[in-house]
Amino acid sequence: MDWFKKVIKGNSGGDGSLASRLQAERLKSDIILSAIETGVVVVDENQIVQLINPAGARIAGWTMAEAVGLDYRSIIHLTDEKEVDYTDPQNPFKQAMVSGKTIVDNNAVLSTKTNQHTPISLSVSPVFDANNKRVTGVVGVFSDVSQQRREERQRAEFISTASHEMRTPVAAIEGYLALAMNNKVANIDLKARDYLEKAHSSTQHLGKLFQDLLTSARAEDGRLSNHPTAIEMGSYLQQLTEDLRFGAEKKGLLVEFVVGSEKTNPTSAAGVKVIPPLYYIRADNERIREVVTNLFDNAVKYSDKGMISVGITGNDKIVQIYIKDTGQGIAPADIPHLFQKFYRVDSTSTRTIGGTGLGLFICRKIVELYGGRIWVESAKDKGSTFYINVPRLSSQIASQILSKEVPTIIFPET
């Protein structure tokens, strides 16, 4: 139990530094840090480990005596899931030191002293000086999540296998029901047709659930089919909006496509047609279609009147896509959980609308696959706007990517 006092005593300078301030902590800190199974490491502004608790030393594969006084990157050697070392800009310790904000990383892998790779959950918080202005160090809290990751992979594999196997009989049932309702194949009375239509609808919903389960499982373990190319999102999104328009107009909703601050086919004040900018991104056509279609369908589901706006804008680094509706909106308490797996807003109006609770989770996973992010801005009864930011490609790089995908045709000599 004396390790805490010994470490602090050996590293304090009485000059108001992080180490000297730690010396003033009470014995209860010693008890707590020694007892908990979560790793704790304190790093000063010179990137030197000033303190590490027994659990932290054990997870990292070092002794406490060895760890204290070394550069933190030697002790907390972080990599990604593919065992590629974190660079300084990626490292949560460096980020917290520079930004002065708490950084959380649930996907880090800790490379131990014996070169074992341990998945960890990591949170790094800054420590400020007495005036609360300058960052004098950081505190990292981390835990071994190897068991959780193994269980997650097992669950994902089970879901993937079960969903794949169940899709086949469900598709067959849906096909037979469709045939039974076809007037050219079978004659049925109105009452029987009503039963069959309800069964057909339920089967379609079940098929969608299995497909979403399969997609979410593959997205989590990195097996999602993905063939990225350069896409000019302006024309792509405009055509996709046209393809989706019918479902909204059938419900009496208007649909508009917006480029920047201009609507479809923008013209200048002088009446001259304006050529919109080219918004290139690197992504899979079908995956982007899946995201936009899901968001658009949700906008239609939760809007009884008004308009669905699909828009695109951006700057030199980012392409931003948004889908805006005039529907019932989302309560503030639900927004932080909206992109979690199986989360559905629970209200009187949403209970009558079918859904798997996986659509937005899948959207988030796909957007993150391309280095982007997705979020929503909404207020109850005032509609919602879903935003997607994806890194932008220059026209030159996009042309290079596309040129490599075009096969070279060699004509035979005549």
Protein backbone atom coordinates (compact mmCIF):
# COMPACT_ATOMS: atom_id res chain seq x y z
CA MET A 1 0.00 0.00 0.00
CA ASP A 2 3.02 2.32 0.22
CA TRP A 3 3.69 2.32 -3.52
CA PHE A 4 1.68 5.51 -4.11
CA LYS A 5 3.56 7.55 -1.47
CA LYS A 6 6.93 6.22 -2.57
CA VAL A 7 6.33 7.07 -6.22
CA ILE A 8 5.12 10.58 -5.42
CA LYS A 9 7.94 11.22 -2.97
CA GLY A 10 10.53 10.10 -5.46
CA ASN A 11 9.19 12.33 -8.26
CA SER A 12 8.08 15.52 -6.52
CA GLY A 13 9.98 18.72 -6.81
CA GLY A 14 8.08 21.08 -4.51
CA ASP A 15 7.70 23.52 -7.40
CA GLY A 16 3.98 23.31 -8.03
CA SER A 17 4.46 20.58 -10.67
CA LEU A 18 2.00 17.75 -11.21
CA ALA A 19 4.13 15.38 -9.13
CA SER A 20 4.31 17.70 -6.13
CA ARG A 21 0.58 18.29 -6.17
CA LEU A 22 -0.03 14.55 -6.25
CA GLN A 23 1.97 14.28 -3.03
CA ALA A 24 -0.78 16.18 -1.21
CA GLU A 25 -3.41 13.52 -1.98
CA ARG A 26 -4.78 11.58 0.94
CA LEU A 27 -4.28 7.94 1.82
CA LYS A 28 -7.69 7.06 0.38
CA SER A 29 -6.29 7.57 -3.12
CA ASP A 30 -3.68 4.95 -2.32
CA ILE A 31 -6.34 2.49 -1.20
CA ILE A 32 -8.62 3.07 -4.17
CA LEU A 33 -5.93 2.93 -6.84
CA SER A 34 -4.42 -0.23 -5.37
CA ALA A 35 -7.74 -2.02 -5.12
CA ILE A 36 -9.37 -1.31 -8.47
CA GLU A 37 -8.95 -3.62 -11.46
CA THR A 38 -8.85 -0.69 -13.85
CA GLY A 39 -5.46 0.60 -14.96
CA VAL A 40 -4.53 4.17 -14.05
CA VAL A 41 -1.46 5.99 -15.36
CA VAL A 42 -0.43 9.59 -14.71
CA VAL A 43 1.79 11.27 -17.33
CA ASP A 44 3.36 14.70 -16.87
CA GLU A 45 3.81 17.43 -19.49
CA ASN A 46 7.20 15.99 -20.45
CA GLN A 47 5.48 12.72 -21.41
CA ILE A 48 7.05 10.89 -18.45
CA VAL A 49 5.07 8.36 -16.40
CA GLN A 50 4.77 9.75 -12.87
CA LEU A 51 2.44 7.09 -11.51
CA ILE A 52 0.91 3.78 -12.52
CA ASN A 53 -1.27 1.60 -10.33
CA PRO A 54 -0.86 -2.19 -9.91
CA ALA A 55 -3.65 -3.03 -12.38
CA GLY A 56 -2.20 -0.70 -15.01
CA ALA A 57 1.27 -2.19 -14.63
CA ARG A 58 -0.14 -5.71 -14.85
CA ILE A 59 -2.14 -4.99 -18.03
CA ALA A 60 0.88 -3.30 -19.65
CA GLY A 61 3.21 -6.13 -18.62
CA TRP A 62 5.61 -3.94 -16.63
CA THR A 63 6.37 -3.60 -12.95
CA MET A 64 5.50 -0.28 -11.32
CA ALA A 65 9.17 0.37 -10.52
CA GLU A 66 10.14 -0.15 -14.18
CA ALA A 67 7.34 2.01 -15.56
CA VAL A 68 7.72 5.15 -13.46
CA GLY A 69 10.15 7.62 -14.99
CA LEU A 70 9.90 6.27 -18.55
CA ASP A 71 8.30 7.87 -21.61
CA TYR A 72 4.63 6.85 -21.54
CA ARG A 73 4.80 5.55 -25.12
CA SER A 74 7.16 2.81 -23.97
CA ILE A 75 4.67 1.68 -21.33
CA ILE A 76 1.33 2.39 -23.03
CA HIS A 77 2.29 1.35 -26.55
CA LEU A 78 -0.93 1.73 -28.56
CA THR A 79 -1.84 0.21 -31.91
CA ASP A 80 -5.04 -0.21 -33.91
CA GLU A 81 -6.84 -3.52 -34.37
CA LYS A 82 -4.49 -4.36 -37.27
CA GLU A 83 -1.49 -3.83 -34.94
CA VAL A 84 -0.39 -0.65 -36.72
CA ASP A 85 1.24 1.77 -34.27
CA TYR A 86 -0.66 4.93 -33.35
CA THR A 87 0.96 8.13 -34.57
CA ASP A 88 1.17 11.11 -32.18
CA PRO A 89 -1.94 12.80 -33.72
CA GLN A 90 -3.88 9.55 -33.20
CA ASN A 91 -2.68 8.96 -29.66
CA PRO A 92 -5.36 9.82 -27.03
CA PHE A 93 -2.64 10.90 -24.54
CA LYS A 94 -1.22 13.41 -27.01
CA GLN A 95 -4.70 14.56 -28.06
CA ALA A 96 -5.73 15.20 -24.46
CA MET A 97 -2.48 17.05 -23.77
CA VAL A 98 -2.88 19.31 -26.81
CA SER A 99 -6.65 19.86 -26.75
CA GLY A 100 -7.21 20.01 -22.99
CA LYS A 101 -10.23 17.73 -23.44
CA THR A 102 -11.05 14.18 -22.37
CA ILE A 103 -10.39 11.69 -25.19
CA VAL A 104 -12.08 8.28 -25.27
CA ASP A 105 -10.90 5.38 -27.44
CA ASN A 106 -12.72 2.05 -27.26
CA ASN A 107 -10.85 0.47 -30.18
CA ALA A 108 -7.25 0.74 -29.02
CA VAL A 109 -4.93 -2.24 -28.62
CA LEU A 110 -2.14 -2.19 -26.03
CA SER A 111 1.12 -3.82 -27.07
CA THR A 112 2.62 -5.12 -23.82
CA LYS A 113 6.26 -5.46 -22.81
CA THR A 114 6.20 -9.10 -23.97
CA ASN A 115 4.65 -8.04 -27.31
CA GLN A 116 1.20 -9.39 -26.53
CA HIS A 117 -1.68 -7.40 -27.99
CA THR A 118 -4.46 -6.63 -25.51
CA PRO A 119 -7.64 -4.81 -26.59
CA ILE A 120 -8.38 -2.00 -24.14
CA SER A 121 -10.98 0.63 -23.42
CA LEU A 122 -9.17 3.91 -22.79
CA SER A 123 -10.11 7.35 -21.46
CA VAL A 124 -7.51 10.12 -21.11
CA SER A 125 -8.28 13.33 -19.21
CA PRO A 126 -6.12 16.47 -18.90
CA VAL A 127 -4.80 17.79 -15.58
CA PHE A 128 -4.51 21.60 -15.33
CA ASP A 129 -2.32 23.87 -13.24
CA ALA A 130 -3.57 25.80 -10.20
CA ASN A 131 -4.93 28.55 -12.45
CA ASN A 132 -6.79 26.02 -14.59
CA LYS A 133 -5.13 27.41 -17.73
CA ARG A 134 -2.17 25.19 -18.63
CA VAL A 135 -2.23 21.42 -19.09
CA THR A 136 0.44 19.96 -16.83
CA GLY A 137 -0.26 16.31 -17.48
CA VAL A 138 -2.89 13.70 -18.24
CA VAL A 139 -4.52 10.78 -16.44
CA GLY A 140 -5.20 7.66 -18.47
CA VAL A 141 -7.78 5.13 -17.28
CA PHE A 142 -7.86 1.83 -19.15
CA SER A 143 -9.17 -1.70 -18.82
CA ASP A 144 -8.58 -5.03 -20.53
CA VAL A 145 -11.59 -5.80 -22.75
CA SER A 146 -10.23 -8.98 -24.38
CA GLN A 147 -13.06 -11.10 -23.02
CA GLN A 148 -15.73 -8.63 -24.13
CA ARG A 149 -14.23 -8.48 -27.64
CA ARG A 150 -14.19 -12.28 -27.89
CA GLU A 151 -17.82 -12.45 -26.80
CA GLU A 152 -18.77 -9.71 -29.26
CA ARG A 153 -17.11 -11.63 -32.10
CA GLN A 154 -18.90 -14.82 -31.08
CA ARG A 155 -22.25 -13.02 -30.96
CA ALA A 156 -21.60 -11.41 -34.32
CA GLU A 157 -20.67 -14.76 -35.86
CA PHE A 158 -23.80 -16.38 -34.46
CA ILE A 159 -26.04 -13.57 -35.69
CA SER A 160 -24.38 -13.64 -39.08
CA THR A 161 -24.75 -17.41 -39.48
CA ALA A 162 -28.32 -17.54 -38.14
CA SER A 163 -29.46 -14.58 -40.25
CA HIS A 164 -27.92 -16.03 -43.39
CA GLU A 165 -29.59 -19.40 -42.84
CA MET A 166 -33.00 -17.93 -42.05
CA ARG A 167 -33.08 -15.56 -45.02
CA THR A 168 -33.53 -18.43 -47.46
CA PRO A 169 -36.78 -19.94 -46.07
CA VAL A 170 -38.20 -16.47 -45.40
CA ALA A 171 -37.51 -15.45 -49.02
CA ALA A 172 -39.23 -18.63 -50.20
CA ILE A 173 -42.32 -17.94 -48.06
CA GLU A 174 -42.45 -14.35 -49.32
CA GLY A 175 -42.25 -15.60 -52.91
CA TYR A 176 -45.08 -18.12 -52.47
CA LEU A 177 -47.28 -15.50 -50.81
CA ALA A 178 -46.65 -13.11 -53.69
CA LEU A 179 -47.66 -15.83 -56.14
CA ALA A 180 -50.81 -16.59 -54.12
CA MET A 181 -51.84 -12.92 -54.38
CA ASN A 182 -51.21 -12.76 -58.13
CA ASN A 183 -54.55 -12.77 -59.95
CA LYS A 184 -52.97 -14.47 -62.95
CA VAL A 185 -51.95 -17.44 -60.83
CA ALA A 186 -54.67 -17.86 -58.20
CA ASN A 187 -58.24 -16.80 -57.54
CA ILE A 188 -58.90 -15.81 -53.93
CA ASP A 189 -61.71 -13.95 -52.23
CA LEU A 190 -61.22 -10.54 -50.61
CA LYS A 191 -61.07 -11.90 -47.06
CA ALA A 192 -58.35 -14.40 -47.95
CA ARG A 193 -56.45 -11.68 -49.83
CA ASP A 194 -56.46 -9.52 -46.71
CA TYR A 195 -54.93 -12.37 -44.70
CA LEU A 196 -52.32 -13.01 -47.36
CA GLU A 197 -51.35 -9.33 -47.62
CA LYS A 198 -50.81 -9.14 -43.87
CA ALA A 199 -48.73 -12.32 -43.94
CA HIS A 200 -46.74 -10.98 -46.89
CA SER A 201 -46.07 -7.70 -45.08
CA SER A 202 -44.93 -9.52 -41.94
CA THR A 203 -42.65 -11.77 -43.98
CA GLN A 204 -41.08 -8.75 -45.68
CA HIS A 205 -40.45 -7.20 -42.28
CA LEU A 206 -38.86 -10.42 -41.05
CA GLY A 207 -36.66 -10.57 -44.14
CA LYS A 208 -35.57 -6.98 -43.56
CA LEU A 209 -34.71 -7.84 -39.93
CA PHE A 210 -32.52 -10.76 -41.00
CA GLN A 211 -30.80 -8.63 -43.63
CA ASP A 212 -30.13 -5.84 -41.12
CA LEU A 213 -28.81 -8.33 -38.56
CA LEU A 214 -26.49 -9.78 -41.18
CA THR A 215 -25.28 -6.36 -42.29
CA SER A 216 -24.73 -5.09 -38.73
CA ALA A 217 -22.77 -8.21 -37.77
CA ARG A 218 -20.55 -7.87 -40.83
CA ALA A 219 -20.08 -4.15 -40.20
CA GLU A 220 -18.88 -4.83 -36.64
CA ASP A 221 -16.33 -7.51 -37.50
CA GLY A 222 -15.02 -5.87 -40.68
CA ARG A 223 -16.57 -8.32 -43.16
CA LEU A 224 -18.92 -5.82 -44.80
CA SER A 225 -18.70 -6.01 -48.59
CA ASN A 226 -16.93 -2.85 -49.70
CA HIS A 227 -15.62 -1.85 -53.14
CA PRO A 228 -14.76 1.85 -52.91
CA THR A 229 -14.35 4.03 -55.95
CA ALA A 230 -14.46 7.75 -56.71
CA ILE A 231 -18.07 9.00 -56.73
CA GLU A 232 -19.20 12.44 -57.85
CA MET A 233 -21.80 12.88 -55.14
CA GLY A 234 -23.63 15.83 -56.72
CA SER A 235 -24.95 13.93 -59.74
CA TYR A 236 -25.13 10.66 -57.81
CA LEU A 237 -27.27 12.15 -55.05
CA GLN A 238 -29.51 14.01 -57.49
CA GLN A 239 -30.26 10.80 -59.40
CA LEU A 240 -30.81 8.87 -56.17
CA THR A 241 -33.26 11.56 -54.99
CA GLU A 242 -35.21 11.13 -58.23
CA ASP A 243 -35.31 7.35 -57.69
CA LEU A 244 -36.64 7.82 -54.14
CA ARG A 245 -39.07 10.62 -54.93
CA PHE A 246 -42.07 8.38 -55.68
CA GLY A 247 -42.32 6.96 -52.14
CA ALA A 248 -42.52 10.46 -50.65
CA GLU A 249 -44.93 11.89 -53.23
CA LYS A 250 -47.20 8.87 -52.76
CA LYS A 251 -47.61 10.06 -49.17
CA GLY A 252 -48.28 13.65 -50.29
CA LEU A 253 -44.80 14.95 -49.40
CA LEU A 254 -42.84 17.33 -51.60
CA VAL A 255 -39.22 16.51 -52.44
CA GLU A 256 -36.40 18.90 -53.32
CA PHE A 257 -32.73 18.49 -54.14
CA VAL A 258 -30.38 21.28 -53.07
CA VAL A 259 -26.78 21.98 -54.11
CA GLY A 260 -25.15 24.39 -51.67
CA SER A 261 -27.81 27.03 -51.04
CA GLU A 262 -29.41 26.50 -54.43
CA LYS A 263 -32.21 24.11 -55.37
CA THR A 264 -32.29 21.70 -58.32
CA ASN A 265 -31.05 23.19 -61.61
CA PRO A 266 -29.68 26.36 -60.00
CA THR A 267 -29.50 29.58 -62.03
CA SER A 268 -27.84 32.88 -61.30
CA ALA A 269 -29.67 36.15 -60.77
CA ALA A 270 -29.09 36.94 -64.47
CA GLY A 271 -30.82 33.73 -65.47
CA VAL A 272 -27.59 32.01 -66.52
CA LYS A 273 -27.39 28.38 -65.49
CA VAL A 274 -24.76 27.84 -62.79
CA ILE A 275 -22.51 24.78 -63.03
CA PRO A 276 -22.44 23.16 -59.58
CA PRO A 277 -19.07 22.12 -58.11
CA LEU A 278 -17.89 18.53 -58.33
CA TYR A 279 -18.10 16.81 -54.95
CA TYR A 280 -15.97 13.66 -55.16
CA ILE A 281 -15.65 11.12 -52.36
CA ARG A 282 -14.12 7.65 -52.15
CA ALA A 283 -16.78 5.11 -51.19
CA ASP A 284 -18.81 2.13 -52.38
CA ASN A 285 -21.81 3.15 -54.51
CA GLU A 286 -24.11 0.60 -52.96
CA ARG A 287 -23.11 1.39 -49.38
CA ILE A 288 -23.72 5.10 -49.86
CA ARG A 289 -27.06 4.29 -51.51
CA GLU A 290 -27.93 2.18 -48.46
CA VAL A 291 -27.23 5.08 -46.10
CA VAL A 292 -29.10 7.75 -48.06
CA THR A 293 -32.06 5.43 -48.76
CA ASN A 294 -32.36 4.55 -45.08
CA LEU A 295 -32.34 8.20 -44.00
CA PHE A 296 -34.76 9.20 -46.75
CA ASP A 297 -37.18 6.37 -45.89
CA ASN A 298 -37.07 7.38 -42.22
CA ALA A 299 -37.86 10.98 -43.19
CA VAL A 300 -40.88 9.76 -45.14
CA LYS A 301 -42.02 7.43 -42.34
CA TYR A 302 -41.97 10.11 -39.67
CA SER A 303 -43.39 12.99 -41.74
CA ASP A 304 -47.13 13.30 -42.30
CA LYS A 305 -46.95 16.51 -44.34
CA GLY A 306 -44.48 19.01 -45.69
CA MET A 307 -41.23 18.43 -47.54
CA ILE A 308 -38.16 16.19 -47.68
CA SER A 309 -35.00 18.09 -48.64
CA VAL A 310 -31.91 16.25 -49.85
CA GLY A 311 -28.86 18.47 -50.13
CA ILE A 312 -25.13 18.54 -50.69
CA THR A 313 -22.51 21.15 -49.88
CA GLY A 314 -18.89 21.16 -48.74
CA ASN A 315 -15.49 22.79 -48.65
CA ASP A 316 -12.00 21.78 -49.76
CA LYS A 317 -11.80 18.97 -47.20
CA ILE A 318 -15.36 17.80 -46.57
CA VAL A 319 -18.44 16.82 -48.55
CA GLN A 320 -21.59 17.27 -46.49
CA ILE A 321 -24.85 15.50 -47.32
CA TYR A 322 -28.05 16.19 -45.46
CA ILE A 323 -31.63 14.86 -45.41
CA LYS A 324 -34.10 17.25 -43.83
CA ASP A 325 -37.75 16.57 -43.02
CA THR A 326 -40.69 18.44 -41.55
CA GLY A 327 -41.83 15.54 -39.39
CA GLN A 328 -42.42 14.96 -35.72
CA GLY A 329 -38.80 15.51 -34.65
CA ILE A 330 -36.79 13.76 -31.97
CA ALA A 331 -36.74 14.47 -28.24
CA PRO A 332 -33.37 15.70 -26.85
CA ALA A 333 -33.12 12.67 -24.53
CA ASP A 334 -33.21 10.27 -27.51
CA ILE A 335 -30.63 11.98 -29.73
CA PRO A 336 -27.45 10.68 -27.95
CA HIS A 337 -28.68 7.07 -28.33
CA LEU A 338 -30.09 7.28 -31.83
CA PHE A 339 -27.20 5.55 -33.61
CA GLN A 340 -26.88 2.71 -31.11
CA LYS A 341 -27.78 -0.83 -32.06
CA PHE A 342 -31.47 -1.74 -31.56
CA TYR A 343 -32.33 1.70 -30.21
CA ARG A 344 -35.76 3.00 -31.22
CA VAL A 345 -37.51 6.14 -30.08
CA ASP A 346 -40.40 5.04 -27.87
CA SER A 347 -43.46 7.20 -28.36
CA THR A 348 -47.12 6.74 -29.22
CA SER A 349 -46.50 7.75 -32.84
CA THR A 350 -43.43 5.53 -33.41
CA ARG A 351 -44.95 2.35 -31.99
CA THR A 352 -47.20 2.05 -35.05
CA ILE A 353 -44.25 2.37 -37.45
CA GLY A 354 -42.26 -0.77 -38.16
CA GLY A 355 -38.49 -0.91 -37.86
CA THR A 356 -35.62 -3.10 -36.72
CA GLY A 357 -33.71 -0.54 -34.66
CA LEU A 358 -30.62 -1.30 -36.73
CA GLY A 359 -30.91 1.12 -39.65
CA LEU A 360 -29.17 4.13 -38.10
CA PHE A 361 -26.55 1.91 -36.46
CA ILE A 362 -25.70 0.47 -39.89
CA CYS A 363 -25.64 3.98 -41.37
CA ARG A 364 -23.11 5.07 -38.74
CA LYS A 365 -20.91 2.04 -39.33
CA ILE A 366 -20.89 2.60 -43.11
CA VAL A 367 -20.14 6.33 -42.81
CA GLU A 368 -17.30 5.62 -40.35
CA LEU A 369 -15.93 3.05 -42.81
CA TYR A 370 -15.14 5.97 -45.13
CA GLY A 371 -13.64 8.17 -42.42
CA GLY A 372 -16.80 10.23 -42.03
CA ARG A 373 -19.30 10.99 -39.32
CA ILE A 374 -23.08 11.20 -39.07
CA TRP A 375 -25.23 13.17 -36.67
CA VAL A 376 -28.69 14.67 -36.31
CA GLU A 377 -30.12 18.03 -35.34
CA SER A 378 -33.75 17.93 -34.29
CA ALA A 379 -36.41 19.34 -32.03
CA LYS A 380 -39.71 17.80 -31.03
CA ASP A 381 -42.47 18.61 -33.56
CA LYS A 382 -40.04 20.68 -35.66
CA GLY A 383 -38.54 18.09 -37.96
CA SER A 384 -35.08 16.56 -38.16
CA THR A 385 -31.96 17.04 -40.27
CA PHE A 386 -29.46 14.20 -40.60
CA TYR A 387 -25.96 15.26 -41.64
CA ILE A 388 -23.16 13.18 -43.15
CA ASN A 389 -19.61 14.50 -43.48
CA VAL A 390 -17.20 12.51 -45.67
CA PRO A 391 -13.63 13.43 -46.69
CA ARG A 392 -13.57 15.11 -50.10
CA LEU A 393 -11.37 14.01 -52.99
CA SER A 394 -9.86 16.52 -55.38
CA SER A 395 -10.94 16.18 -59.02
CA GLN A 396 -7.37 15.24 -59.91
CA ILE A 397 -7.20 12.34 -57.44
CA ALA A 398 -10.72 11.21 -58.41
CA SER A 399 -9.67 11.14 -62.08
CA GLN A 400 -6.62 9.06 -61.23
CA ILE A 401 -8.74 6.55 -59.30
CA LEU A 402 -11.32 6.28 -62.06
CA SER A 403 -8.69 5.97 -64.81
CA LYS A 404 -7.17 2.97 -63.04
CA GLU A 405 -10.56 1.24 -63.02
CA VAL A 406 -11.11 1.59 -66.76
CA PRO A 407 -9.68 -1.48 -68.54
CA THR A 408 -7.16 -0.85 -71.28
CA ILE A 409 -8.45 -2.21 -74.61
CA ILE A 410 -5.75 -3.57 -76.90
CA PHE A 411 -6.90 -3.87 -80.49
CA PRO A 412 -5.39 -6.70 -82.54
CA GLU A 413 -3.09 -5.77 -85.37
CA THR A 414 -4.71 -5.87 -88.77
